[in-house]
Amino acid sequence: MKVGRWFDTGLMLAAMNLARLSTVFHQRSSHPWAWALALILSAMGVAMAAQTTWVDPGAAQPCNKPLYLTFDTGHMGVAPLIAQVLEQHQVRVTFFVADEPAQTGGSSLSPAWASWWRARALAGHQFASHTLDHVYWKADLPQSGGFRVKPSAGAHSGEVSRYSAQEYCQAVEAAAHRIEELTQKPALSLFRAPGGKTSPQLLASARACGFDHVGWSDAGFLGDELPSQAYPNALLLKKALAQIKSGDILMAHLGIWSRKDPWAPAVLEPLLEGLHERGFCFRTLDQQPQYQAWIAQHRRTLGQPRPAESVSTGG
């Protein structure tokens, strides 16, 4: 049902809090009933959300200088802090998801993170694929129409393999399907290749199976994966505030293993504050003019057939 704005928003915030509580119970409690209670709290949150419509406080406001903030998955160690900052500043982002190893054990798209992802969906964020096993493109195989790839997650992590065009599509689709299972929200028909590494052949193959590629703007590379000794947080913040311009797609991660001084929330919070002070506003990629028509023509629905598991061959 559709209700008034403030009551509707109150219900949504209550649903988000229930989802957050379920995550706490699951991750912090060793009691045998913790998982059952987490499921009950999460289900209550989903049921409440089903009766409400999320009101994006910024959606009705004019946005003359839009930015599109995106996050790729990572070790997830800073994910709760990032979510807190985004909620505090009422910023909606697009998450590109892969099932990567998590700092707390398990992986980023495992059931342990289901409540966290569901809360992000309830908060109005969008989701897209980063390939399920974070599959890096290495080279085209022109004769077969396939690709040489190297996953950095999953059962074949670190192995150089050969994917057919169909298998690469399955890798892209599998991540979209997994986040839809976790959030009960359709993913966008977009993907980001790990490392941004692509070829015209790979992009054509992905578009043929319904996914358009999203990179990032030059100034939108926020540098959170660079070594903190050479690129300290203060330098990254100063550079971003000086160079980001209207229409840019920004990119950061939910945790980088190699960076000793975490980028978030140390840079994220003052960056959002500084950009807001400069008149910028934030939108998700479904509102980005370059991708709006594609998304409308390739709109996903829940319950699409589960993709067949990719089978890669060595070499």
C-alpha atoms as a PDB file:
ATOM      1  CA  MET A   1       0.000   0.000   0.000  1.00  0.00           C
ATOM      2  CA  LYS A   2       1.056   3.592  -0.533  1.00  0.00           C
ATOM      3  CA  VAL A   3       1.058   5.824   2.547  1.00  0.00           C
ATOM      4  CA  GLY A   4       2.091   9.354   3.447  1.00  0.00           C
ATOM      5  CA  ARG A   5       5.675  10.448   2.950  1.00  0.00           C
ATOM      6  CA  TRP A   6       6.778  10.726   6.567  1.00  0.00           C
ATOM      7  CA  PHE A   7       4.959   7.639   7.829  1.00  0.00           C
ATOM      8  CA  ASP A   8       6.182   5.729   4.782  1.00  0.00           C
ATOM      9  CA  THR A   9       9.766   6.796   5.424  1.00  0.00           C
ATOM     10  CA  GLY A  10       9.429   5.860   9.100  1.00  0.00           C
ATOM     11  CA  LEU A  11       8.342   2.348   8.181  1.00  0.00           C
ATOM     12  CA  MET A  12      11.250   2.044   5.776  1.00  0.00           C
ATOM     13  CA  LEU A  13      13.757   3.149   8.422  1.00  0.00           C
ATOM     14  CA  ALA A  14      12.265   0.625  10.831  1.00  0.00           C
ATOM     15  CA  ALA A  15      12.674  -2.081   8.200  1.00  0.00           C
ATOM     16  CA  MET A  16      16.303  -1.044   7.685  1.00  0.00           C
ATOM     17  CA  ASN A  17      16.926  -1.222  11.433  1.00  0.00           C
ATOM     18  CA  LEU A  18      15.462  -4.723  11.598  1.00  0.00           C
ATOM     19  CA  ALA A  19      17.736  -5.810   8.748  1.00  0.00           C
ATOM     20  CA  ARG A  20      20.703  -4.238  10.540  1.00  0.00           C
ATOM     21  CA  LEU A  21      19.792  -6.018  13.798  1.00  0.00           C
ATOM     22  CA  SER A  22      19.616  -9.354  11.998  1.00  0.00           C
ATOM     23  CA  THR A  23      23.180  -8.841  10.743  1.00  0.00           C
ATOM     24  CA  VAL A  24      24.395  -8.046  14.267  1.00  0.00           C
ATOM     25  CA  PHE A  25      22.748 -11.125  15.751  1.00  0.00           C
ATOM     26  CA  HIS A  26      24.151 -13.371  13.048  1.00  0.00           C
ATOM     27  CA  GLN A  27      27.718 -12.046  13.057  1.00  0.00           C
ATOM     28  CA  ARG A  28      28.222 -11.423  16.777  1.00  0.00           C
ATOM     29  CA  SER A  29      26.307 -14.132  18.583  1.00  0.00           C
ATOM     30  CA  SER A  30      27.374 -17.749  18.969  1.00  0.00           C
ATOM     31  CA  HIS A  31      24.081 -18.905  20.505  1.00  0.00           C
ATOM     32  CA  PRO A  32      22.294 -21.630  18.551  1.00  0.00           C
ATOM     33  CA  TRP A  33      19.168 -19.471  18.227  1.00  0.00           C
ATOM     34  CA  ALA A  34      21.031 -16.499  16.748  1.00  0.00           C
ATOM     35  CA  TRP A  35      20.604 -17.538  13.120  1.00  0.00           C
ATOM     36  CA  ALA A  36      16.882 -18.245  13.583  1.00  0.00           C
ATOM     37  CA  LEU A  37      16.374 -14.859  15.234  1.00  0.00           C
ATOM     38  CA  ALA A  38      18.341 -13.186  12.459  1.00  0.00           C
ATOM     39  CA  LEU A  39      16.059 -14.770   9.867  1.00  0.00           C
ATOM     40  CA  ILE A  40      12.956 -13.639  11.770  1.00  0.00           C
ATOM     41  CA  LEU A  41      14.198 -10.053  12.049  1.00  0.00           C
ATOM     42  CA  SER A  42      15.215 -10.002   8.397  1.00  0.00           C
ATOM     43  CA  ALA A  43      11.838 -11.393   7.308  1.00  0.00           C
ATOM     44  CA  MET A  44      10.052  -8.747   9.394  1.00  0.00           C
ATOM     45  CA  GLY A  45      12.106  -6.065   7.668  1.00  0.00           C
ATOM     46  CA  VAL A  46      11.300  -7.411   4.215  1.00  0.00           C
ATOM     47  CA  ALA A  47       7.585  -7.674   5.078  1.00  0.00           C
ATOM     48  CA  MET A  48       7.511  -4.072   6.289  1.00  0.00           C
ATOM     49  CA  ALA A  49       9.409  -2.882   3.233  1.00  0.00           C
ATOM     50  CA  ALA A  50       6.924  -4.630   0.956  1.00  0.00           C
ATOM     51  CA  GLN A  51       4.187  -2.364   2.336  1.00  0.00           C
ATOM     52  CA  THR A  52       6.098   0.857   1.753  1.00  0.00           C
ATOM     53  CA  THR A  53       7.636   2.922  -0.998  1.00  0.00           C
ATOM     54  CA  TRP A  54      11.101   4.351  -0.410  1.00  0.00           C
ATOM     55  CA  VAL A  55      11.238   8.139  -0.572  1.00  0.00           C
ATOM     56  CA  ASP A  56      14.593   9.373  -1.805  1.00  0.00           C
ATOM     57  CA  PRO A  57      15.017  12.792  -0.130  1.00  0.00           C
ATOM     58  CA  GLY A  58      17.078  14.063  -3.076  1.00  0.00           C
ATOM     59  CA  ALA A  59      14.946  12.690  -5.909  1.00  0.00           C
ATOM     60  CA  ALA A  60      12.472  15.571  -5.903  1.00  0.00           C
ATOM     61  CA  GLN A  61      15.207  18.181  -5.711  1.00  0.00           C
ATOM     62  CA  PRO A  62      16.737  19.685  -8.861  1.00  0.00           C
ATOM     63  CA  CYS A  63      20.086  18.106  -9.655  1.00  0.00           C
ATOM     64  CA  ASN A  64      22.083  20.321 -11.976  1.00  0.00           C
ATOM     65  CA  LYS A  65      25.504  18.848 -11.147  1.00  0.00           C
ATOM     66  CA  PRO A  66      24.961  15.084 -10.837  1.00  0.00           C
ATOM     67  CA  LEU A  67      27.622  12.597  -9.810  1.00  0.00           C
ATOM     68  CA  TYR A  68      27.319   8.809  -9.917  1.00  0.00           C
ATOM     69  CA  LEU A  69      29.120   7.196  -6.998  1.00  0.00           C
ATOM     70  CA  THR A  70      29.771   3.462  -7.383  1.00  0.00           C
ATOM     71  CA  PHE A  71      31.350   0.845  -5.139  1.00  0.00           C
ATOM     72  CA  ASP A  72      32.866  -2.455  -6.218  1.00  0.00           C
ATOM     73  CA  THR A  73      32.945  -5.239  -3.659  1.00  0.00           C
ATOM     74  CA  GLY A  74      36.158  -5.951  -1.752  1.00  0.00           C
ATOM     75  CA  HIS A  75      37.022  -7.500   1.590  1.00  0.00           C
ATOM     76  CA  MET A  76      33.896  -5.859   3.136  1.00  0.00           C
ATOM     77  CA  GLY A  77      35.771  -4.811   6.271  1.00  0.00           C
ATOM     78  CA  VAL A  78      34.711  -1.175   5.861  1.00  0.00           C
ATOM     79  CA  ALA A  79      31.304  -1.920   4.355  1.00  0.00           C
ATOM     80  CA  PRO A  80      29.310  -1.157   7.548  1.00  0.00           C
ATOM     81  CA  LEU A  81      31.123   2.169   7.973  1.00  0.00           C
ATOM     82  CA  ILE A  82      30.516   3.092   4.331  1.00  0.00           C
ATOM     83  CA  ALA A  83      26.817   2.287   4.703  1.00  0.00           C
ATOM     84  CA  GLN A  84      26.654   4.478   7.794  1.00  0.00           C
ATOM     85  CA  VAL A  85      28.231   7.444   6.010  1.00  0.00           C
ATOM     86  CA  LEU A  86      25.976   7.043   2.968  1.00  0.00           C
ATOM     87  CA  GLU A  87      22.896   6.905   5.161  1.00  0.00           C
ATOM     88  CA  GLN A  88      24.009   9.934   7.175  1.00  0.00           C
ATOM     89  CA  HIS A  89      24.500  12.012   4.027  1.00  0.00           C
ATOM     90  CA  GLN A  90      21.461  10.564   2.210  1.00  0.00           C
ATOM     91  CA  VAL A  91      23.580   9.475  -0.757  1.00  0.00           C
ATOM     92  CA  ARG A  92      22.383   6.646  -3.014  1.00  0.00           C
ATOM     93  CA  VAL A  93      25.019   4.670  -4.927  1.00  0.00           C
ATOM     94  CA  THR A  94      25.331   1.737  -7.318  1.00  0.00           C
ATOM     95  CA  PHE A  95      27.121  -1.366  -6.054  1.00  0.00           C
ATOM     96  CA  PHE A  96      28.956  -3.631  -8.529  1.00  0.00           C
ATOM     97  CA  VAL A  97      29.026  -7.015  -6.853  1.00  0.00           C
ATOM     98  CA  ALA A  98      31.275 -10.066  -7.001  1.00  0.00           C
ATOM     99  CA  ASP A  99      31.530 -12.917  -4.508  1.00  0.00           C
ATOM    100  CA  GLU A 100      34.960 -12.032  -3.112  1.00  0.00           C
ATOM    101  CA  PRO A 101      36.686 -13.277   0.054  1.00  0.00           C
ATOM    102  CA  ALA A 102      35.572 -11.283   3.106  1.00  0.00           C
ATOM    103  CA  GLN A 103      37.773 -10.075   5.935  1.00  0.00           C
ATOM    104  CA  THR A 104      35.510 -11.727   8.500  1.00  0.00           C
ATOM    105  CA  GLY A 105      35.537 -15.063   6.671  1.00  0.00           C
ATOM    106  CA  GLY A 106      33.232 -16.365   3.995  1.00  0.00           C
ATOM    107  CA  SER A 107      32.586 -14.144   0.999  1.00  0.00           C
ATOM    108  CA  SER A 108      30.873 -10.904   0.097  1.00  0.00           C
ATOM    109  CA  LEU A 109      27.741 -12.497  -1.383  1.00  0.00           C
ATOM    110  CA  SER A 110      27.424 -15.305   1.159  1.00  0.00           C
ATOM    111  CA  PRO A 111      24.360 -15.666   3.451  1.00  0.00           C
ATOM    112  CA  ALA A 112      26.316 -13.956   6.259  1.00  0.00           C
ATOM    113  CA  TRP A 113      26.036 -10.687   4.296  1.00  0.00           C
ATOM    114  CA  ALA A 114      22.443 -11.157   3.133  1.00  0.00           C
ATOM    115  CA  SER A 115      20.962  -8.787   5.722  1.00  0.00           C
ATOM    116  CA  TRP A 116      23.536  -6.098   4.948  1.00  0.00           C
ATOM    117  CA  TRP A 117      22.761  -6.222   1.237  1.00  0.00           C
ATOM    118  CA  ARG A 118      19.031  -6.294   1.908  1.00  0.00           C
ATOM    119  CA  ALA A 119      19.338  -3.153   4.015  1.00  0.00           C
ATOM    120  CA  ARG A 120      21.126  -1.415   1.152  1.00  0.00           C
ATOM    121  CA  ALA A 121      18.243  -2.338  -1.162  1.00  0.00           C
ATOM    122  CA  LEU A 122      15.730  -0.971   1.325  1.00  0.00           C
ATOM    123  CA  ALA A 123      17.732   2.269   1.448  1.00  0.00           C
ATOM    124  CA  GLY A 124      17.277   2.804  -2.293  1.00  0.00           C
ATOM    125  CA  HIS A 125      20.699   1.789  -3.627  1.00  0.00           C
ATOM    126  CA  GLN A 126      21.114  -0.006  -6.960  1.00  0.00           C
ATOM    127  CA  PHE A 127      23.086  -3.137  -7.874  1.00  0.00           C
ATOM    128  CA  ALA A 128      24.915  -4.453 -10.920  1.00  0.00           C
ATOM    129  CA  SER A 129      27.307  -7.273 -11.802  1.00  0.00           C
ATOM    130  CA  HIS A 130      31.070  -7.362 -11.277  1.00  0.00           C
ATOM    131  CA  THR A 131      31.183 -11.048 -12.412  1.00  0.00           C
ATOM    132  CA  LEU A 132      30.585 -13.643  -9.710  1.00  0.00           C
ATOM    133  CA  ASP A 133      34.206 -14.812  -9.340  1.00  0.00           C
ATOM    134  CA  HIS A 134      35.735 -11.392 -10.090  1.00  0.00           C
ATOM    135  CA  VAL A 135      36.934 -12.586 -13.466  1.00  0.00           C
ATOM    136  CA  TYR A 136      39.722 -10.545 -15.063  1.00  0.00           C
ATOM    137  CA  TRP A 137      39.870 -10.415 -18.854  1.00  0.00           C
ATOM    138  CA  LYS A 138      43.413 -11.187 -20.055  1.00  0.00           C
ATOM    139  CA  ALA A 139      43.120 -11.586 -23.832  1.00  0.00           C
ATOM    140  CA  ASP A 140      40.749 -12.379 -26.673  1.00  0.00           C
ATOM    141  CA  LEU A 141      40.805 -15.779 -28.368  1.00  0.00           C
ATOM    142  CA  PRO A 142      39.790 -14.693 -31.873  1.00  0.00           C
ATOM    143  CA  GLN A 143      39.555 -18.152 -33.386  1.00  0.00           C
ATOM    144  CA  SER A 144      37.033 -19.403 -30.828  1.00  0.00           C
ATOM    145  CA  GLY A 145      35.365 -16.085 -30.047  1.00  0.00           C
ATOM    146  CA  GLY A 146      36.222 -16.612 -26.396  1.00  0.00           C
ATOM    147  CA  PHE A 147      38.600 -15.106 -23.871  1.00  0.00           C
ATOM    148  CA  ARG A 148      41.575 -15.873 -21.692  1.00  0.00           C
ATOM    149  CA  VAL A 149      40.591 -14.922 -18.154  1.00  0.00           C
ATOM    150  CA  LYS A 150      41.823 -15.119 -14.570  1.00  0.00           C
ATOM    151  CA  PRO A 151      39.318 -15.195 -11.684  1.00  0.00           C
ATOM    152  CA  SER A 152      40.521 -13.751  -8.376  1.00  0.00           C
ATOM    153  CA  ALA A 153      37.766 -15.424  -6.338  1.00  0.00           C
ATOM    154  CA  GLY A 154      35.901 -18.710  -6.299  1.00  0.00           C
ATOM    155  CA  ALA A 155      37.059 -22.261  -6.854  1.00  0.00           C
ATOM    156  CA  HIS A 156      39.421 -21.317  -9.705  1.00  0.00           C
ATOM    157  CA  SER A 157      40.920 -18.210  -8.124  1.00  0.00           C
ATOM    158  CA  GLY A 158      44.329 -17.391  -9.559  1.00  0.00           C
ATOM    159  CA  GLU A 159      44.031 -19.835 -12.458  1.00  0.00           C
ATOM    160  CA  VAL A 160      44.329 -18.670 -16.046  1.00  0.00           C
ATOM    161  CA  SER A 161      41.428 -20.206 -17.946  1.00  0.00           C
ATOM    162  CA  ARG A 162      39.563 -20.032 -21.220  1.00  0.00           C
ATOM    163  CA  TYR A 163      35.956 -18.877 -21.311  1.00  0.00           C
ATOM    164  CA  SER A 164      33.651 -19.040 -24.277  1.00  0.00           C
ATOM    165  CA  ALA A 165      31.492 -15.976 -24.874  1.00  0.00           C
ATOM    166  CA  GLN A 166      28.611 -17.885 -23.315  1.00  0.00           C
ATOM    167  CA  GLU A 167      30.645 -18.741 -20.218  1.00  0.00           C
ATOM    168  CA  TYR A 168      31.639 -15.125 -19.769  1.00  0.00           C
ATOM    169  CA  CYS A 169      27.971 -14.138 -20.006  1.00  0.00           C
ATOM    170  CA  GLN A 170      27.190 -16.740 -17.362  1.00  0.00           C
ATOM    171  CA  ALA A 171      29.809 -15.204 -15.074  1.00  0.00           C
ATOM    172  CA  VAL A 172      28.223 -11.759 -15.484  1.00  0.00           C
ATOM    173  CA  GLU A 173      24.688 -13.075 -15.088  1.00  0.00           C
ATOM    174  CA  ALA A 174      25.573 -15.173 -12.017  1.00  0.00           C
ATOM    175  CA  ALA A 175      26.550 -12.121  -9.959  1.00  0.00           C
ATOM    176  CA  ALA A 176      23.375 -10.284 -10.949  1.00  0.00           C
ATOM    177  CA  HIS A 177      21.311 -13.326 -10.076  1.00  0.00           C
ATOM    178  CA  ARG A 178      23.010 -13.766  -6.679  1.00  0.00           C
ATOM    179  CA  ILE A 179      22.426 -10.168  -5.565  1.00  0.00           C
ATOM    180  CA  GLU A 180      18.810 -10.448  -6.676  1.00  0.00           C
ATOM    181  CA  GLU A 181      18.414 -13.517  -4.487  1.00  0.00           C
ATOM    182  CA  LEU A 182      19.909 -11.667  -1.517  1.00  0.00           C
ATOM    183  CA  THR A 183      18.001  -8.395  -1.935  1.00  0.00           C
ATOM    184  CA  GLN A 184      14.820  -9.382  -3.771  1.00  0.00           C
ATOM    185  CA  LYS A 185      15.461  -6.356  -5.991  1.00  0.00           C
ATOM    186  CA  PRO A 186      16.191  -6.591  -9.725  1.00  0.00           C
ATOM    187  CA  ALA A 187      19.755  -5.711 -10.643  1.00  0.00           C
ATOM    188  CA  LEU A 188      20.503  -3.194 -13.361  1.00  0.00           C
ATOM    189  CA  SER A 189      21.405  -4.642 -16.761  1.00  0.00           C
ATOM    190  CA  LEU A 190      24.931  -3.279 -16.360  1.00  0.00           C
ATOM    191  CA  PHE A 191      28.294  -4.756 -15.415  1.00  0.00           C
ATOM    192  CA  ARG A 192      31.796  -3.627 -14.635  1.00  0.00           C
ATOM    193  CA  ALA A 193      34.701  -5.813 -15.687  1.00  0.00           C
ATOM    194  CA  PRO A 194      37.208  -6.285 -12.855  1.00  0.00           C
ATOM    195  CA  GLY A 195      40.028  -3.807 -13.192  1.00  0.00           C
ATOM    196  CA  GLY A 196      38.053  -2.172 -15.998  1.00  0.00           C
ATOM    197  CA  LYS A 197      39.886  -4.535 -18.362  1.00  0.00           C
ATOM    198  CA  THR A 198      37.897  -5.191 -21.527  1.00  0.00           C
ATOM    199  CA  SER A 199      38.150  -5.534 -25.299  1.00  0.00           C
ATOM    200  CA  PRO A 200      35.681  -4.669 -28.062  1.00  0.00           C
ATOM    201  CA  GLN A 201      35.025  -8.399 -28.458  1.00  0.00           C
ATOM    202  CA  LEU A 202      34.237  -8.838 -24.766  1.00  0.00           C
ATOM    203  CA  LEU A 203      31.970  -5.783 -24.661  1.00  0.00           C
ATOM    204  CA  ALA A 204      30.075  -7.019 -27.724  1.00  0.00           C
ATOM    205  CA  SER A 205      29.616 -10.455 -26.140  1.00  0.00           C
ATOM    206  CA  ALA A 206      28.260  -8.932 -22.931  1.00  0.00           C
ATOM    207  CA  ARG A 207      25.869  -6.646 -24.776  1.00  0.00           C
ATOM    208  CA  ALA A 208      24.609  -9.619 -26.770  1.00  0.00           C
ATOM    209  CA  CYS A 209      23.499 -11.236 -23.523  1.00  0.00           C
ATOM    210  CA  GLY A 210      21.926  -8.091 -22.095  1.00  0.00           C
ATOM    211  CA  PHE A 211      24.678  -6.258 -20.177  1.00  0.00           C
ATOM    212  CA  ASP A 212      26.247  -2.906 -20.984  1.00  0.00           C
ATOM    213  CA  HIS A 213      29.634  -2.032 -19.476  1.00  0.00           C
ATOM    214  CA  VAL A 214      30.258   0.794 -17.008  1.00  0.00           C
ATOM    215  CA  GLY A 215      33.746   2.085 -16.348  1.00  0.00           C
ATOM    216  CA  TRP A 216      34.556   5.281 -14.464  1.00  0.00           C
ATOM    217  CA  SER A 217      35.611   8.826 -15.252  1.00  0.00           C
ATOM    218  CA  ASP A 218      39.275   9.835 -15.131  1.00  0.00           C
ATOM    219  CA  ALA A 219      38.692  12.024 -12.081  1.00  0.00           C
ATOM    220  CA  GLY A 220      36.301   9.402 -10.726  1.00  0.00           C
ATOM    221  CA  PHE A 221      39.115   6.975  -9.935  1.00  0.00           C
ATOM    222  CA  LEU A 222      39.182   7.715  -6.203  1.00  0.00           C
ATOM    223  CA  GLY A 223      42.448   5.862  -5.566  1.00  0.00           C
ATOM    224  CA  ASP A 224      41.433   3.631  -2.686  1.00  0.00           C
ATOM    225  CA  GLU A 225      43.345   0.706  -4.212  1.00  0.00           C
ATOM    226  CA  LEU A 226      46.618   2.636  -4.438  1.00  0.00           C
ATOM    227  CA  PRO A 227      49.357   2.146  -1.767  1.00  0.00           C
ATOM    228  CA  SER A 228      48.695   4.470   1.158  1.00  0.00           C
ATOM    229  CA  GLN A 229      52.407   5.221   1.622  1.00  0.00           C
ATOM    230  CA  ALA A 230      52.609   6.896  -1.801  1.00  0.00           C
ATOM    231  CA  TYR A 231      49.002   8.093  -1.941  1.00  0.00           C
ATOM    232  CA  PRO A 232      47.901   9.102   1.580  1.00  0.00           C
ATOM    233  CA  ASN A 233      44.259   9.807   2.253  1.00  0.00           C
ATOM    234  CA  ALA A 234      44.784  13.576   2.473  1.00  0.00           C
ATOM    235  CA  LEU A 235      46.278  13.614  -1.025  1.00  0.00           C
ATOM    236  CA  LEU A 236      43.471  11.519  -2.494  1.00  0.00           C
ATOM    237  CA  LEU A 237      40.843  13.780  -0.925  1.00  0.00           C
ATOM    238  CA  LYS A 238      42.486  16.964  -2.205  1.00  0.00           C
ATOM    239  CA  LYS A 239      42.842  15.537  -5.719  1.00  0.00           C
ATOM    240  CA  ALA A 240      39.233  14.354  -5.885  1.00  0.00           C
ATOM    241  CA  LEU A 241      37.766  17.637  -4.678  1.00  0.00           C
ATOM    242  CA  ALA A 242      39.878  19.562  -7.182  1.00  0.00           C
ATOM    243  CA  GLN A 243      39.215  17.423 -10.260  1.00  0.00           C
ATOM    244  CA  ILE A 244      35.722  15.875 -10.061  1.00  0.00           C
ATOM    245  CA  LYS A 245      33.235  17.508 -12.420  1.00  0.00           C
ATOM    246  CA  SER A 246      29.545  17.223 -13.146  1.00  0.00           C
ATOM    247  CA  GLY A 247      28.492  13.947 -14.769  1.00  0.00           C
ATOM    248  CA  ASP A 248      31.477  11.956 -13.508  1.00  0.00           C
ATOM    249  CA  ILE A 249      31.145   8.296 -12.534  1.00  0.00           C
ATOM    250  CA  LEU A 250      33.117   7.742  -9.326  1.00  0.00           C
ATOM    251  CA  MET A 251      34.563   4.392  -8.253  1.00  0.00           C
ATOM    252  CA  ALA A 252      35.759   3.006  -4.916  1.00  0.00           C
ATOM    253  CA  HIS A 253      35.647  -0.357  -3.115  1.00  0.00           C
ATOM    254  CA  LEU A 254      34.168  -1.963  -0.020  1.00  0.00           C
ATOM    255  CA  GLY A 255      37.668  -2.664   1.272  1.00  0.00           C
ATOM    256  CA  ILE A 256      41.076  -3.181  -0.345  1.00  0.00           C
ATOM    257  CA  TRP A 257      43.384  -5.826   1.115  1.00  0.00           C
ATOM    258  CA  SER A 258      46.631  -4.139   0.095  1.00  0.00           C
ATOM    259  CA  ARG A 259      45.922  -0.623   1.398  1.00  0.00           C
ATOM    260  CA  LYS A 260      47.259  -0.202   4.940  1.00  0.00           C
ATOM    261  CA  ASP A 261      45.461   3.076   5.695  1.00  0.00           C
ATOM    262  CA  PRO A 262      41.793   2.475   4.771  1.00  0.00           C
ATOM    263  CA  TRP A 263      40.273   5.008   2.395  1.00  0.00           C
ATOM    264  CA  ALA A 264      36.840   4.782   3.967  1.00  0.00           C
ATOM    265  CA  PRO A 265      35.442   6.400   5.942  1.00  0.00           C
ATOM    266  CA  ALA A 266      38.482   8.707   6.350  1.00  0.00           C
ATOM    267  CA  VAL A 267      38.154  10.118   2.814  1.00  0.00           C
ATOM    268  CA  LEU A 268      34.550   9.242   2.000  1.00  0.00           C
ATOM    269  CA  GLU A 269      32.886  11.456   4.594  1.00  0.00           C
ATOM    270  CA  PRO A 270      34.806  14.693   3.904  1.00  0.00           C
ATOM    271  CA  LEU A 271      34.565  13.962   0.179  1.00  0.00           C
ATOM    272  CA  LEU A 272      30.765  13.812   0.305  1.00  0.00           C
ATOM    273  CA  GLU A 273      30.652  16.939   2.445  1.00  0.00           C
ATOM    274  CA  GLY A 274      33.005  18.816   0.124  1.00  0.00           C
ATOM    275  CA  LEU A 275      31.152  17.792  -3.023  1.00  0.00           C
ATOM    276  CA  HIS A 276      27.811  18.779  -1.538  1.00  0.00           C
ATOM    277  CA  GLU A 277      29.268  22.178  -0.584  1.00  0.00           C
ATOM    278  CA  ARG A 278      30.342  22.607  -4.214  1.00  0.00           C
ATOM    279  CA  GLY A 279      26.770  22.088  -5.400  1.00  0.00           C
ATOM    280  CA  PHE A 280      27.075  18.457  -6.547  1.00  0.00           C
ATOM    281  CA  CYS A 281      24.300  15.929  -6.037  1.00  0.00           C
ATOM    282  CA  PHE A 282      24.325  12.133  -6.250  1.00  0.00           C
ATOM    283  CA  ARG A 283      22.276   9.787  -8.398  1.00  0.00           C
ATOM    284  CA  THR A 284      22.337   6.058  -9.140  1.00  0.00           C
ATOM    285  CA  LEU A 285      23.263   4.750 -12.583  1.00  0.00           C
ATOM    286  CA  ASP A 286      19.675   4.078 -13.619  1.00  0.00           C
ATOM    287  CA  GLN A 287      19.402   7.882 -13.799  1.00  0.00           C
ATOM    288  CA  GLN A 288      22.596   8.344 -15.854  1.00  0.00           C
ATOM    289  CA  PRO A 289      21.648   9.543 -19.359  1.00  0.00           C
ATOM    290  CA  GLN A 290      24.130   7.274 -21.158  1.00  0.00           C
ATOM    291  CA  TYR A 291      22.557   4.123 -19.667  1.00  0.00           C
ATOM    292  CA  GLN A 292      18.895   5.031 -19.171  1.00  0.00           C
ATOM    293  CA  ALA A 293      17.715   3.792 -22.561  1.00  0.00           C
ATOM    294  CA  TRP A 294      19.706   0.553 -22.293  1.00  0.00           C
ATOM    295  CA  ILE A 295      18.321  -0.203 -18.836  1.00  0.00           C
ATOM    296  CA  ALA A 296      14.765   0.531 -19.979  1.00  0.00           C
ATOM    297  CA  GLN A 297      15.159  -1.826 -22.944  1.00  0.00           C
ATOM    298  CA  HIS A 298      16.814  -4.589 -20.882  1.00  0.00           C
ATOM    299  CA  ARG A 299      14.926  -4.287 -17.617  1.00  0.00           C
ATOM    300  CA  ARG A 300      15.422  -7.307 -15.389  1.00  0.00           C
ATOM    301  CA  THR A 301      12.726  -9.041 -13.357  1.00  0.00           C
ATOM    302  CA  LEU A 302      13.005 -11.278 -10.340  1.00  0.00           C
ATOM    303  CA  GLY A 303      12.717 -14.990 -10.943  1.00  0.00           C
ATOM    304  CA  GLN A 304      14.721 -15.098 -14.163  1.00  0.00           C
ATOM    305  CA  PRO A 305      16.194 -18.568 -14.826  1.00  0.00           C
ATOM    306  CA  ARG A 306      19.316 -19.273 -12.805  1.00  0.00           C
ATOM    307  CA  PRO A 307      22.404 -19.263 -15.061  1.00  0.00           C
ATOM    308  CA  ALA A 308      24.156 -22.573 -15.728  1.00  0.00           C
ATOM    309  CA  GLU A 309      27.454 -22.830 -13.878  1.00  0.00           C
ATOM    310  CA  SER A 310      30.418 -21.808 -16.017  1.00  0.00           C
ATOM    311  CA  VAL A 311      32.901 -24.537 -16.862  1.00  0.00           C
ATOM    312  CA  SER A 312      36.346 -23.220 -17.671  1.00  0.00           C
ATOM    313  CA  THR A 313      39.242 -25.031 -19.241  1.00  0.00           C
ATOM    314  CA  GLY A 314      42.890 -24.587 -18.450  1.00  0.00           C
ATOM    315  CA  GLY A 315      45.454 -22.953 -20.643  1.00  0.00           C
END
